[in-house]
Every structure is written in C-alpha cells, then in structure tokens.
Amino acid sequence: FGGGLGADESNEIDGIQLSDESAINPAAVLSAARQALAGVNSSIRGYFGGGSLDGSIPTFSAEIDGIQFSDESAINPAAVLPVARMRLGAVNSSLRGYFGGGGDVAFVGYSDEVDGIQFSDETAINPAAVLAVLRHWPAGVNSSIRGYFGGGDASGVYTNEIDGIQFSDEIAINPAAVLNVGRARLAGVNSSIRGYFGGGWI
C-alpha cells in the first residue's frame, strides 16, 4: 500500500505478509508524497501512478514510481503518465499496467483517459482505448485478458458503469454488467475468474 492522506500527503509504503498476515514496513518510500493515486504490478515490481501532491489545492501528478519486490528497494522509472491526474483506477495484464479515468485539468475533473506503463522496459504507453464514461474515483479489477473499471463519480453523479480494456489489442470494452449500486471511491479485488468491487460512496 503506497501513498495516501493522513495529516498530509504521504510517501509511505507498507503492507502485509501474505503467508502469515503479519504487517510489513519496508524502507522504500515513494519518490513523491501524494494521495489519490493508483497501483499496478508486474510479477517483479509494483508501480504507483498519478495522484495529488497537495490536498488543499489539488496539484495533479504524472509520476510513476514504486517498489522492487525482490529487495523492497524504491524504483522510479523514467515513464510518466501523458496526462497528470488524480483519483484514477488501475488494472494490469502480465505485460502492461493501465491507469484509467481520474481527474485532470483538461476535463475539469473528469477523464476517460487510459494510459500506463510497459513492464519489460518501463516505457510509457497510451493506447487508443478510452473509458465509456468520463469519471474519477473508479476502481479496477482484471482477468488475464481484460481489465475492468467500475463505478466512479461521473460529473457529480455516482455511476454503476463497468467498462475497460481488452489487453490483446487494447480496444475499449463495455460489458452489459453494471454495479448493483452506483458509487464512487470504491476498491476492487479479483480472483482468476471474478472481480469484486467493495465499499465506496453512494
């Protein structure tokens, strides 16, 4: 778990040991303290993208940084998001991480952008696919072949939309499924066969 907002924006990275569910607190920290960011991971590294550097006066960030799993050292690839934004969601395939939606200056707080990072060489990517609904605060889940963004705040209305991206050709997808309740600021988890969206504002 990286970043967030306590008394101020945080650069903290901490978490949980999955084998015994004990707390962990590696020495690595984010290169830029910020809130409202999102995370993706390859099999060897975790990446935190976007966010806000100042909660009182939102300052959008294009930063991508993170952690090397093998030794828990901090990483800061050259890749950045093409559009600085906060309150975005994230999904990943085995090859690439994608950051979707969020708030940016161009859309006055609501974005349909999908971009991200190529894991093999840590270069920035910007597929043509965009979300079906402009929004910030969606959550992301993924299968091995598709990534889904659920919920979010769409111009002041909490949405039940589920849309996303097909990993193989990076085209936009928009399945018929929707959330049972429209909500924003939710979180997502997935097994290999199902994705679950929990909590949020309604």
N, C-alpha and C. Protein backbone atom coordinates (compact mmCIF):
# COMPACT_ATOMS: atom_id res chain seq x y z
N PHE A 1 0.86 -1.18 0.00
CA PHE A 1 0.00 0.00 0.00
C PHE A 1 0.89 1.23 0.00
N GLY A 2 0.65 2.16 -0.94
CA GLY A 2 1.53 3.30 -1.08
C GLY A 2 0.78 4.63 -1.11
N GLY A 3 1.41 5.64 -0.50
CA GLY A 3 0.84 6.98 -0.53
C GLY A 3 -0.39 7.12 0.34
N GLY A 4 -1.20 8.13 0.05
CA GLY A 4 -2.42 8.38 0.80
C GLY A 4 -2.37 9.70 1.54
N LEU A 5 -3.40 9.93 2.34
CA LEU A 5 -3.56 11.20 3.05
C LEU A 5 -3.81 10.93 4.52
N GLY A 6 -2.90 11.43 5.37
CA GLY A 6 -3.11 11.44 6.82
C GLY A 6 -3.24 12.89 7.22
N ALA A 7 -2.31 13.35 8.05
CA ALA A 7 -2.27 14.78 8.35
C ALA A 7 -1.84 15.56 7.11
N ASP A 8 -1.13 14.88 6.20
CA ASP A 8 -0.67 15.47 4.95
C ASP A 8 -0.49 14.33 3.95
N GLU A 9 -0.11 14.66 2.71
CA GLU A 9 0.18 13.61 1.73
C GLU A 9 1.34 12.75 2.21
N SER A 10 1.28 11.46 1.90
CA SER A 10 2.27 10.51 2.42
C SER A 10 3.09 9.88 1.31
N ASN A 11 4.34 9.52 1.63
CA ASN A 11 5.17 8.73 0.72
C ASN A 11 5.39 7.32 1.26
N GLU A 12 4.63 6.94 2.26
CA GLU A 12 4.78 5.65 2.95
C GLU A 12 4.42 4.48 2.03
N ILE A 13 5.22 3.40 2.15
CA ILE A 13 4.87 2.09 1.57
C ILE A 13 4.92 1.08 2.70
N ASP A 14 3.81 0.43 2.97
CA ASP A 14 3.78 -0.64 3.95
C ASP A 14 2.78 -1.69 3.49
N GLY A 15 2.50 -2.71 4.30
CA GLY A 15 1.58 -3.72 3.82
C GLY A 15 1.47 -4.95 4.68
N ILE A 16 1.30 -6.10 4.03
CA ILE A 16 1.01 -7.35 4.71
C ILE A 16 1.78 -8.50 4.09
N GLN A 17 2.34 -9.36 4.96
CA GLN A 17 2.99 -10.60 4.53
C GLN A 17 1.89 -11.63 4.29
N LEU A 18 1.74 -12.08 3.05
CA LEU A 18 0.60 -12.93 2.71
C LEU A 18 0.65 -14.30 3.38
N SER A 19 1.83 -14.82 3.64
CA SER A 19 1.95 -16.17 4.19
C SER A 19 1.40 -16.27 5.61
N ASP A 20 1.62 -15.24 6.43
CA ASP A 20 1.15 -15.30 7.82
C ASP A 20 0.34 -14.08 8.24
N GLU A 21 0.06 -13.19 7.30
CA GLU A 21 -0.76 -12.00 7.54
C GLU A 21 -0.18 -11.07 8.60
N SER A 22 1.15 -11.02 8.70
CA SER A 22 1.80 -10.07 9.59
C SER A 22 2.07 -8.77 8.85
N ALA A 23 2.19 -7.68 9.59
CA ALA A 23 2.44 -6.37 8.99
C ALA A 23 3.88 -6.27 8.51
N ILE A 24 4.08 -5.55 7.40
CA ILE A 24 5.42 -5.27 6.88
C ILE A 24 5.57 -3.77 6.67
N ASN A 25 6.80 -3.29 6.76
CA ASN A 25 7.07 -1.87 6.58
C ASN A 25 8.45 -1.69 5.98
N PRO A 26 8.59 -1.91 4.66
CA PRO A 26 9.90 -1.79 4.02
C PRO A 26 10.45 -0.37 4.10
N ALA A 27 11.76 -0.26 3.91
CA ALA A 27 12.41 1.06 3.94
C ALA A 27 12.02 1.93 2.74
N ALA A 28 11.65 1.31 1.62
CA ALA A 28 11.31 2.06 0.41
C ALA A 28 10.16 3.02 0.65
N VAL A 29 10.27 4.20 0.06
CA VAL A 29 9.18 5.19 0.07
C VAL A 29 8.97 5.69 -1.35
N LEU A 30 7.81 6.28 -1.59
CA LEU A 30 7.54 6.87 -2.90
C LEU A 30 8.45 8.07 -3.14
N SER A 31 8.78 8.31 -4.39
CA SER A 31 9.63 9.46 -4.73
C SER A 31 8.89 10.77 -4.57
N ALA A 32 7.56 10.72 -4.63
CA ALA A 32 6.74 11.92 -4.44
C ALA A 32 5.57 11.58 -3.51
N ALA A 33 5.49 12.25 -2.38
CA ALA A 33 4.38 12.06 -1.44
C ALA A 33 3.09 12.54 -2.10
N ARG A 34 2.06 11.71 -2.09
CA ARG A 34 0.82 12.10 -2.74
C ARG A 34 -0.34 11.19 -2.34
N GLN A 35 -1.55 11.68 -2.58
CA GLN A 35 -2.78 10.94 -2.33
C GLN A 35 -3.52 10.74 -3.64
N ALA A 36 -4.62 9.94 -3.58
CA ALA A 36 -5.50 9.72 -4.73
C ALA A 36 -4.75 9.17 -5.93
N LEU A 37 -3.79 8.27 -5.69
CA LEU A 37 -3.02 7.59 -6.73
C LEU A 37 -3.57 6.19 -6.92
N ALA A 38 -3.01 5.43 -7.87
CA ALA A 38 -3.45 4.06 -8.13
C ALA A 38 -2.24 3.17 -8.37
N GLY A 39 -2.41 1.86 -8.21
CA GLY A 39 -1.30 0.94 -8.33
C GLY A 39 -1.53 -0.20 -9.31
N VAL A 40 -0.44 -0.59 -9.99
CA VAL A 40 -0.41 -1.76 -10.86
C VAL A 40 0.87 -2.55 -10.55
N ASN A 41 0.93 -3.80 -11.00
CA ASN A 41 2.15 -4.56 -10.75
C ASN A 41 2.43 -5.59 -11.83
N SER A 42 3.73 -5.80 -12.07
CA SER A 42 4.21 -6.94 -12.84
C SER A 42 4.49 -8.04 -11.83
N SER A 43 5.14 -9.10 -12.26
CA SER A 43 5.49 -10.18 -11.33
C SER A 43 6.68 -9.82 -10.44
N ILE A 44 7.40 -8.75 -10.81
CA ILE A 44 8.62 -8.41 -10.06
C ILE A 44 8.64 -7.01 -9.46
N ARG A 45 7.75 -6.14 -9.91
CA ARG A 45 7.73 -4.77 -9.43
C ARG A 45 6.30 -4.24 -9.28
N GLY A 46 6.12 -3.31 -8.34
CA GLY A 46 4.86 -2.61 -8.19
C GLY A 46 5.03 -1.14 -8.52
N TYR A 47 4.03 -0.56 -9.20
CA TYR A 47 4.11 0.82 -9.67
C TYR A 47 2.90 1.62 -9.17
N PHE A 48 3.17 2.82 -8.67
CA PHE A 48 2.13 3.73 -8.24
C PHE A 48 2.10 4.92 -9.20
N GLY A 49 0.91 5.22 -9.77
CA GLY A 49 0.81 6.26 -10.78
C GLY A 49 -0.17 7.35 -10.43
N GLY A 50 0.16 8.56 -10.86
CA GLY A 50 -0.74 9.70 -10.70
C GLY A 50 -0.85 10.15 -9.26
N GLY A 51 -1.93 10.86 -8.96
CA GLY A 51 -2.21 11.33 -7.62
C GLY A 51 -2.19 12.85 -7.50
N SER A 52 -2.36 13.31 -6.27
CA SER A 52 -2.36 14.73 -5.97
C SER A 52 -1.26 15.02 -4.95
N LEU A 53 -0.45 16.01 -5.25
CA LEU A 53 0.67 16.38 -4.39
C LEU A 53 0.26 17.29 -3.25
N ASP A 54 -0.92 17.88 -3.32
CA ASP A 54 -1.36 18.83 -2.31
C ASP A 54 -2.88 18.76 -2.22
N GLY A 55 -3.39 18.23 -1.10
CA GLY A 55 -4.83 18.04 -0.95
C GLY A 55 -5.62 19.31 -0.80
N SER A 56 -5.03 20.36 -0.21
CA SER A 56 -5.77 21.61 0.00
C SER A 56 -6.01 22.34 -1.32
N ILE A 57 -4.99 22.29 -2.20
CA ILE A 57 -5.12 22.85 -3.55
C ILE A 57 -4.64 21.76 -4.51
N PRO A 58 -5.55 20.92 -5.04
CA PRO A 58 -5.10 19.75 -5.80
C PRO A 58 -4.09 20.10 -6.89
N THR A 59 -2.94 19.44 -6.82
CA THR A 59 -1.88 19.58 -7.81
C THR A 59 -1.71 18.23 -8.48
N PHE A 60 -2.17 18.10 -9.70
CA PHE A 60 -2.18 16.82 -10.39
C PHE A 60 -0.76 16.33 -10.66
N SER A 61 -0.56 15.00 -10.56
CA SER A 61 0.75 14.41 -10.77
C SER A 61 0.73 13.41 -11.91
N ALA A 62 1.82 13.36 -12.67
CA ALA A 62 2.02 12.35 -13.72
C ALA A 62 3.04 11.29 -13.30
N GLU A 63 3.47 11.34 -12.06
CA GLU A 63 4.54 10.48 -11.55
C GLU A 63 4.17 8.98 -11.62
N ILE A 64 5.16 8.15 -11.98
CA ILE A 64 5.07 6.69 -11.81
C ILE A 64 6.32 6.27 -11.05
N ASP A 65 6.13 5.72 -9.85
CA ASP A 65 7.25 5.21 -9.06
C ASP A 65 6.80 3.93 -8.37
N GLY A 66 7.63 3.38 -7.47
CA GLY A 66 7.18 2.16 -6.85
C GLY A 66 8.23 1.38 -6.10
N ILE A 67 8.12 0.04 -6.17
CA ILE A 67 8.94 -0.84 -5.34
C ILE A 67 9.37 -2.09 -6.10
N GLN A 68 10.62 -2.47 -5.91
CA GLN A 68 11.19 -3.72 -6.42
C GLN A 68 10.87 -4.81 -5.40
N PHE A 69 10.14 -5.85 -5.82
CA PHE A 69 9.68 -6.84 -4.86
C PHE A 69 10.82 -7.65 -4.22
N SER A 70 11.86 -7.97 -4.99
CA SER A 70 12.91 -8.87 -4.52
C SER A 70 13.65 -8.34 -3.29
N ASP A 71 13.93 -7.06 -3.26
CA ASP A 71 14.67 -6.48 -2.14
C ASP A 71 13.96 -5.29 -1.49
N GLU A 72 12.75 -5.01 -1.93
CA GLU A 72 11.93 -3.92 -1.40
C GLU A 72 12.63 -2.56 -1.45
N SER A 73 13.39 -2.36 -2.51
CA SER A 73 14.00 -1.05 -2.74
C SER A 73 13.07 -0.19 -3.58
N ALA A 74 13.20 1.12 -3.46
CA ALA A 74 12.38 2.05 -4.23
C ALA A 74 12.83 2.09 -5.69
N ILE A 75 11.88 2.26 -6.60
CA ILE A 75 12.17 2.42 -8.03
C ILE A 75 11.49 3.68 -8.53
N ASN A 76 12.07 4.28 -9.56
CA ASN A 76 11.47 5.48 -10.14
C ASN A 76 11.79 5.52 -11.63
N PRO A 77 11.03 4.74 -12.45
CA PRO A 77 11.30 4.71 -13.88
C PRO A 77 11.10 6.07 -14.53
N ALA A 78 11.68 6.22 -15.72
CA ALA A 78 11.55 7.47 -16.46
C ALA A 78 10.13 7.71 -16.96
N ALA A 79 9.36 6.64 -17.17
CA ALA A 79 7.99 6.77 -17.69
C ALA A 79 7.12 7.60 -16.76
N VAL A 80 6.30 8.44 -17.36
CA VAL A 80 5.29 9.20 -16.63
C VAL A 80 3.98 9.11 -17.40
N LEU A 81 2.88 9.41 -16.74
CA LEU A 81 1.60 9.45 -17.43
C LEU A 81 1.60 10.63 -18.40
N PRO A 82 0.98 10.47 -19.60
CA PRO A 82 0.96 11.58 -20.55
C PRO A 82 0.08 12.74 -20.10
N VAL A 83 -0.86 12.44 -19.19
CA VAL A 83 -1.73 13.47 -18.63
C VAL A 83 -1.68 13.35 -17.11
N ALA A 84 -1.25 14.38 -16.43
CA ALA A 84 -1.23 14.37 -14.98
C ALA A 84 -2.65 14.33 -14.44
N ARG A 85 -2.93 13.38 -13.55
CA ARG A 85 -4.27 13.30 -12.99
C ARG A 85 -4.29 12.52 -11.68
N MET A 86 -5.37 12.69 -10.95
CA MET A 86 -5.57 12.06 -9.65
C MET A 86 -6.90 11.33 -9.64
N ARG A 87 -7.14 10.53 -8.58
CA ARG A 87 -8.41 9.81 -8.40
C ARG A 87 -8.68 8.87 -9.55
N LEU A 88 -7.67 8.17 -10.02
CA LEU A 88 -7.80 7.25 -11.14
C LEU A 88 -7.88 5.81 -10.63
N GLY A 89 -8.28 4.89 -11.52
CA GLY A 89 -8.28 3.46 -11.22
C GLY A 89 -7.18 2.78 -12.01
N ALA A 90 -6.90 1.52 -11.70
CA ALA A 90 -5.80 0.83 -12.37
C ALA A 90 -6.08 -0.66 -12.53
N VAL A 91 -5.59 -1.21 -13.64
CA VAL A 91 -5.64 -2.65 -13.93
C VAL A 91 -4.33 -3.04 -14.58
N ASN A 92 -4.03 -4.34 -14.59
CA ASN A 92 -2.82 -4.76 -15.30
C ASN A 92 -2.96 -6.14 -15.91
N SER A 93 -2.31 -6.30 -17.06
CA SER A 93 -2.09 -7.61 -17.64
C SER A 93 -0.74 -8.10 -17.12
N SER A 94 -0.23 -9.21 -17.65
CA SER A 94 1.10 -9.67 -17.26
C SER A 94 2.20 -8.82 -17.89
N LEU A 95 1.84 -8.03 -18.91
CA LEU A 95 2.83 -7.27 -19.67
C LEU A 95 2.78 -5.76 -19.46
N ARG A 96 1.60 -5.26 -19.13
CA ARG A 96 1.41 -3.81 -19.05
C ARG A 96 0.48 -3.42 -17.91
N GLY A 97 0.70 -2.23 -17.38
CA GLY A 97 -0.20 -1.65 -16.39
C GLY A 97 -0.93 -0.47 -16.98
N TYR A 98 -2.22 -0.35 -16.67
CA TYR A 98 -3.08 0.70 -17.24
C TYR A 98 -3.74 1.51 -16.13
N PHE A 99 -3.68 2.82 -16.27
CA PHE A 99 -4.34 3.75 -15.36
C PHE A 99 -5.51 4.38 -16.11
N GLY A 100 -6.72 4.29 -15.55
CA GLY A 100 -7.90 4.76 -16.26
C GLY A 100 -8.72 5.76 -15.46
N GLY A 101 -9.33 6.68 -16.20
CA GLY A 101 -10.18 7.69 -15.58
C GLY A 101 -9.38 8.67 -14.75
N GLY A 102 -10.03 9.26 -13.78
CA GLY A 102 -9.37 10.22 -12.89
C GLY A 102 -9.80 11.64 -13.18
N GLY A 103 -9.22 12.56 -12.45
CA GLY A 103 -9.47 13.97 -12.64
C GLY A 103 -8.26 14.63 -13.26
N ASP A 104 -8.47 15.45 -14.26
CA ASP A 104 -7.38 16.23 -14.85
C ASP A 104 -7.88 17.61 -15.21
N VAL A 105 -6.96 18.49 -15.46
CA VAL A 105 -7.29 19.89 -15.71
C VAL A 105 -8.10 20.05 -17.00
N ALA A 106 -7.73 19.29 -18.04
CA ALA A 106 -8.38 19.46 -19.35
C ALA A 106 -9.88 19.20 -19.29
N PHE A 107 -10.29 18.19 -18.49
CA PHE A 107 -11.71 17.86 -18.41
C PHE A 107 -12.35 18.41 -17.14
N VAL A 108 -11.68 19.34 -16.49
CA VAL A 108 -12.17 19.99 -15.28
C VAL A 108 -12.64 18.94 -14.26
N GLY A 109 -11.81 17.94 -14.07
CA GLY A 109 -12.07 16.97 -13.01
C GLY A 109 -12.53 15.61 -13.46
N TYR A 110 -12.84 15.39 -14.73
CA TYR A 110 -13.36 14.10 -15.18
C TYR A 110 -12.65 13.66 -16.45
N SER A 111 -12.10 12.44 -16.45
CA SER A 111 -11.32 11.96 -17.58
C SER A 111 -11.79 10.58 -18.04
N ASP A 112 -11.62 10.29 -19.33
CA ASP A 112 -11.83 8.94 -19.86
C ASP A 112 -10.52 8.33 -20.34
N GLU A 113 -9.41 8.96 -19.99
CA GLU A 113 -8.07 8.55 -20.43
C GLU A 113 -7.71 7.15 -19.91
N VAL A 114 -7.04 6.35 -20.76
CA VAL A 114 -6.40 5.10 -20.35
C VAL A 114 -4.96 5.13 -20.86
N ASP A 115 -4.01 5.09 -19.96
CA ASP A 115 -2.60 5.05 -20.35
C ASP A 115 -1.84 4.25 -19.31
N GLY A 116 -0.50 4.20 -19.40
CA GLY A 116 0.19 3.41 -18.41
C GLY A 116 1.64 3.13 -18.71
N ILE A 117 2.07 1.88 -18.40
CA ILE A 117 3.48 1.53 -18.44
C ILE A 117 3.68 0.12 -18.99
N GLN A 118 4.68 -0.01 -19.85
CA GLN A 118 5.13 -1.30 -20.39
C GLN A 118 6.13 -1.86 -19.39
N PHE A 119 5.83 -3.04 -18.82
CA PHE A 119 6.66 -3.56 -17.74
C PHE A 119 8.08 -3.93 -18.19
N SER A 120 8.24 -4.47 -19.40
CA SER A 120 9.53 -5.01 -19.83
C SER A 120 10.63 -3.96 -19.88
N ASP A 121 10.30 -2.76 -20.32
CA ASP A 121 11.31 -1.70 -20.44
C ASP A 121 10.93 -0.41 -19.72
N GLU A 122 9.80 -0.45 -19.02
CA GLU A 122 9.31 0.69 -18.24
C GLU A 122 9.15 1.97 -19.06
N THR A 123 8.65 1.78 -20.29
CA THR A 123 8.30 2.93 -21.12
C THR A 123 6.82 3.26 -20.95
N ALA A 124 6.48 4.51 -21.19
CA ALA A 124 5.09 4.94 -21.11
C ALA A 124 4.30 4.43 -22.30
N ILE A 125 3.02 4.08 -22.08
CA ILE A 125 2.12 3.65 -23.15
C ILE A 125 0.87 4.52 -23.10
N ASN A 126 0.22 4.65 -24.27
CA ASN A 126 -1.00 5.44 -24.35
C ASN A 126 -1.90 4.86 -25.42
N PRO A 127 -2.61 3.74 -25.09
CA PRO A 127 -3.48 3.10 -26.09
C PRO A 127 -4.62 4.02 -26.52
N ALA A 128 -5.20 3.69 -27.67
CA ALA A 128 -6.30 4.50 -28.20
C ALA A 128 -7.58 4.33 -27.38
N ALA A 129 -7.74 3.21 -26.69
CA ALA A 129 -8.95 2.94 -25.91
C ALA A 129 -9.20 4.02 -24.87
N VAL A 130 -10.46 4.39 -24.72
CA VAL A 130 -10.88 5.30 -23.66
C VAL A 130 -12.09 4.69 -22.95
N LEU A 131 -12.35 5.12 -21.74
CA LEU A 131 -13.50 4.63 -20.99
C LEU A 131 -14.80 5.12 -21.63
N ALA A 132 -15.85 4.34 -21.44
CA ALA A 132 -17.17 4.70 -21.99
C ALA A 132 -17.77 5.91 -21.28
N VAL A 133 -17.38 6.13 -20.04
CA VAL A 133 -17.90 7.24 -19.24
C VAL A 133 -16.75 8.00 -18.62
N LEU A 134 -16.69 9.32 -18.81
CA LEU A 134 -15.69 10.15 -18.14
C LEU A 134 -15.98 10.16 -16.65
N ARG A 135 -14.95 9.87 -15.83
CA ARG A 135 -15.20 9.88 -14.40
C ARG A 135 -13.89 9.81 -13.61
N HIS A 136 -13.98 10.22 -12.36
CA HIS A 136 -12.88 9.98 -11.44
C HIS A 136 -13.37 9.07 -10.30
N TRP A 137 -12.37 8.55 -9.53
CA TRP A 137 -12.63 7.61 -8.45
C TRP A 137 -13.28 6.30 -8.87
N PRO A 138 -12.94 5.72 -10.05
CA PRO A 138 -13.36 4.34 -10.31
C PRO A 138 -12.40 3.37 -9.61
N ALA A 139 -12.74 2.10 -9.61
CA ALA A 139 -11.84 1.06 -9.11
C ALA A 139 -11.59 0.07 -10.24
N GLY A 140 -10.49 -0.65 -10.17
CA GLY A 140 -10.12 -1.57 -11.23
C GLY A 140 -9.99 -3.01 -10.77
N VAL A 141 -10.40 -3.94 -11.64
CA VAL A 141 -10.15 -5.38 -11.47
C VAL A 141 -9.73 -5.92 -12.83
N ASN A 142 -9.09 -7.08 -12.84
CA ASN A 142 -8.71 -7.64 -14.13
C ASN A 142 -8.71 -9.16 -14.13
N SER A 143 -9.02 -9.71 -15.32
CA SER A 143 -8.76 -11.12 -15.60
C SER A 143 -7.41 -11.19 -16.29
N SER A 144 -7.05 -12.34 -16.83
CA SER A 144 -5.79 -12.43 -17.56
C SER A 144 -5.87 -11.79 -18.94
N ILE A 145 -7.09 -11.51 -19.42
CA ILE A 145 -7.25 -10.99 -20.78
C ILE A 145 -7.92 -9.61 -20.86
N ARG A 146 -8.56 -9.17 -19.79
CA ARG A 146 -9.26 -7.89 -19.81
C ARG A 146 -9.14 -7.16 -18.48
N GLY A 147 -9.19 -5.83 -18.54
CA GLY A 147 -9.24 -5.00 -17.34
C GLY A 147 -10.55 -4.24 -17.29
N TYR A 148 -11.13 -4.15 -16.10
CA TYR A 148 -12.44 -3.52 -15.92
C TYR A 148 -12.37 -2.39 -14.90
N PHE A 149 -12.97 -1.25 -15.25
CA PHE A 149 -13.08 -0.12 -14.34
C PHE A 149 -14.53 0.01 -13.92
N GLY A 150 -14.78 -0.01 -12.61
CA GLY A 150 -16.15 0.01 -12.11
C GLY A 150 -16.44 1.21 -11.25
N GLY A 151 -17.66 1.75 -11.40
CA GLY A 151 -18.11 2.85 -10.58
C GLY A 151 -17.37 4.15 -10.87
N GLY A 152 -17.45 5.09 -9.93
CA GLY A 152 -16.80 6.38 -10.07
C GLY A 152 -17.79 7.53 -10.02
N ASP A 153 -17.24 8.71 -9.97
CA ASP A 153 -18.01 9.95 -9.96
C ASP A 153 -17.98 10.51 -11.37
N ALA A 154 -19.14 10.49 -12.05
CA ALA A 154 -19.25 10.96 -13.43
C ALA A 154 -19.96 12.31 -13.42
N SER A 155 -19.18 13.37 -13.40
CA SER A 155 -19.72 14.73 -13.41
C SER A 155 -20.71 14.97 -12.28
N GLY A 156 -20.36 14.49 -11.09
CA GLY A 156 -21.19 14.72 -9.92
C GLY A 156 -22.25 13.67 -9.67
N VAL A 157 -22.36 12.68 -10.54
CA VAL A 157 -23.32 11.58 -10.39
C VAL A 157 -22.53 10.30 -10.18
N TYR A 158 -22.82 9.57 -9.10
CA TYR A 158 -22.13 8.30 -8.86
C TYR A 158 -22.68 7.25 -9.81
N THR A 159 -21.78 6.63 -10.58
CA THR A 159 -22.19 5.73 -11.65
C THR A 159 -22.03 4.26 -11.27
N ASN A 160 -22.83 3.40 -11.92
CA ASN A 160 -22.69 1.95 -11.76
C ASN A 160 -22.01 1.31 -12.98
N GLU A 161 -21.41 2.13 -13.81
CA GLU A 161 -20.77 1.68 -15.05
C GLU A 161 -19.62 0.70 -14.77
N ILE A 162 -19.52 -0.33 -15.62
CA ILE A 162 -18.33 -1.18 -15.70
C ILE A 162 -17.88 -1.20 -17.15
N ASP A 163 -16.69 -0.69 -17.42
CA ASP A 163 -16.12 -0.70 -18.77
C ASP A 163 -14.64 -1.02 -18.66
N GLY A 164 -13.90 -0.91 -19.75
CA GLY A 164 -12.49 -1.23 -19.62
C GLY A 164 -11.75 -1.43 -20.91
N ILE A 165 -10.78 -2.37 -20.87
CA ILE A 165 -9.84 -2.56 -21.97
C ILE A 165 -9.54 -4.03 -22.20
N GLN A 166 -9.49 -4.41 -23.48
CA GLN A 166 -9.08 -5.75 -23.92
C GLN A 166 -7.56 -5.73 -24.05
N PHE A 167 -6.86 -6.57 -23.29
CA PHE A 167 -5.41 -6.48 -23.25
C PHE A 167 -4.73 -6.81 -24.59
N SER A 168 -5.25 -7.77 -25.32
CA SER A 168 -4.56 -8.27 -26.52
C SER A 168 -4.39 -7.21 -27.60
N ASP A 169 -5.41 -6.37 -27.80
CA ASP A 169 -5.35 -5.36 -28.86
C ASP A 169 -5.63 -3.95 -28.34
N GLU A 170 -5.81 -3.83 -27.02
CA GLU A 170 -6.03 -2.53 -26.37
C GLU A 170 -7.21 -1.75 -26.93
N ILE A 171 -8.28 -2.48 -27.26
CA ILE A 171 -9.52 -1.81 -27.64
C ILE A 171 -10.41 -1.66 -26.40
N ALA A 172 -11.29 -0.68 -26.44
CA ALA A 172 -12.21 -0.44 -25.34
C ALA A 172 -13.28 -1.52 -25.29
N ILE A 173 -13.71 -1.89 -24.09
CA ILE A 173 -14.81 -2.84 -23.90
C ILE A 173 -15.86 -2.21 -23.01
N ASN A 174 -17.10 -2.65 -23.15
CA ASN A 174 -18.19 -2.14 -22.33
C ASN A 174 -19.22 -3.23 -22.13
N PRO A 175 -18.97 -4.17 -21.20
CA PRO A 175 -19.90 -5.27 -20.98
C PRO A 175 -21.24 -4.79 -20.46
N ALA A 176 -22.26 -5.64 -20.58
CA ALA A 176 -23.60 -5.29 -20.13
C ALA A 176 -23.69 -5.19 -18.60
N ALA A 177 -22.81 -5.88 -17.89
CA ALA A 177 -22.84 -5.88 -16.43
C ALA A 177 -22.63 -4.47 -15.87
N VAL A 178 -23.38 -4.15 -14.82
CA VAL A 178 -23.20 -2.90 -14.09
C VAL A 178 -23.19 -3.21 -12.59
N LEU A 179 -22.67 -2.28 -11.80
CA LEU A 179 -22.71 -2.45 -10.36
C LEU A 179 -24.16 -2.39 -9.86
N ASN A 180 -24.43 -3.07 -8.76
CA ASN A 180 -25.77 -3.08 -8.19
C ASN A 180 -26.19 -1.69 -7.71
N VAL A 181 -25.21 -0.91 -7.26
CA VAL A 181 -25.46 0.45 -6.77
C VAL A 181 -24.39 1.37 -7.35
N GLY A 182 -24.79 2.50 -7.91
CA GLY A 182 -23.83 3.48 -8.40
C GLY A 182 -23.04 4.05 -7.23
N ARG A 183 -21.70 4.05 -7.32
CA ARG A 183 -20.90 4.55 -6.23
C ARG A 183 -19.50 4.93 -6.69
N ALA A 184 -18.85 5.77 -5.90
CA ALA A 184 -17.50 6.25 -6.18
C ALA A 184 -16.61 5.98 -4.99
N ARG A 185 -15.29 6.15 -5.18
CA ARG A 185 -14.30 5.93 -4.12
C ARG A 185 -14.35 4.51 -3.59
N LEU A 186 -14.61 3.56 -4.44
CA LEU A 186 -14.66 2.16 -4.07
C LEU A 186 -13.31 1.51 -4.37
N ALA A 187 -13.16 0.23 -4.02
CA ALA A 187 -11.93 -0.51 -4.29
C ALA A 187 -12.28 -1.85 -4.93
N GLY A 188 -11.31 -2.43 -5.62
CA GLY A 188 -11.55 -3.68 -6.33
C GLY A 188 -10.51 -4.74 -6.04
N VAL A 189 -10.96 -6.01 -6.05
CA VAL A 189 -10.07 -7.17 -5.96
C VAL A 189 -10.55 -8.20 -6.97
N ASN A 190 -9.68 -9.14 -7.33
CA ASN A 190 -10.13 -10.17 -8.27
C ASN A 190 -9.45 -11.50 -8.02
N SER A 191 -10.19 -12.57 -8.30
CA SER A 191 -9.62 -13.90 -8.43
C SER A 191 -9.30 -14.08 -9.90
N SER A 192 -8.99 -15.30 -10.33
CA SER A 192 -8.74 -15.55 -11.74
C SER A 192 -10.03 -15.58 -12.55
N ILE A 193 -11.19 -15.67 -11.88
CA ILE A 193 -12.45 -15.80 -12.62
C ILE A 193 -13.50 -14.74 -12.28
N ARG A 194 -13.30 -13.97 -11.21
CA ARG A 194 -14.29 -12.95 -10.84
C ARG A 194 -13.61 -11.71 -10.29
N GLY A 195 -14.26 -10.56 -10.50
CA GLY A 195 -13.80 -9.30 -9.92
C GLY A 195 -14.86 -8.77 -8.98
N TYR A 196 -14.42 -8.19 -7.87
CA TYR A 196 -15.34 -7.70 -6.84
C TYR A 196 -15.03 -6.23 -6.53
N PHE A 197 -16.08 -5.41 -6.47
CA PHE A 197 -15.95 -4.00 -6.11
C PHE A 197 -16.59 -3.81 -4.75
N GLY A 198 -15.85 -3.25 -3.79
CA GLY A 198 -16.35 -3.13 -2.44
C GLY A 198 -16.35 -1.71 -1.92
N GLY A 199 -17.34 -1.39 -1.08
CA GLY A 199 -17.40 -0.10 -0.40
C GLY A 199 -17.69 1.05 -1.33
N GLY A 200 -17.26 2.24 -0.91
CA GLY A 200 -17.47 3.44 -1.72
C GLY A 200 -18.51 4.38 -1.17
N TRP A 201 -18.71 5.46 -1.87
CA TRP A 201 -19.73 6.46 -1.55
C TRP A 201 -20.94 6.25 -2.45
N ILE A 202 -22.13 6.36 -1.88
CA ILE A 202 -23.37 6.24 -2.66
C ILE A 202 -24.21 7.51 -2.49
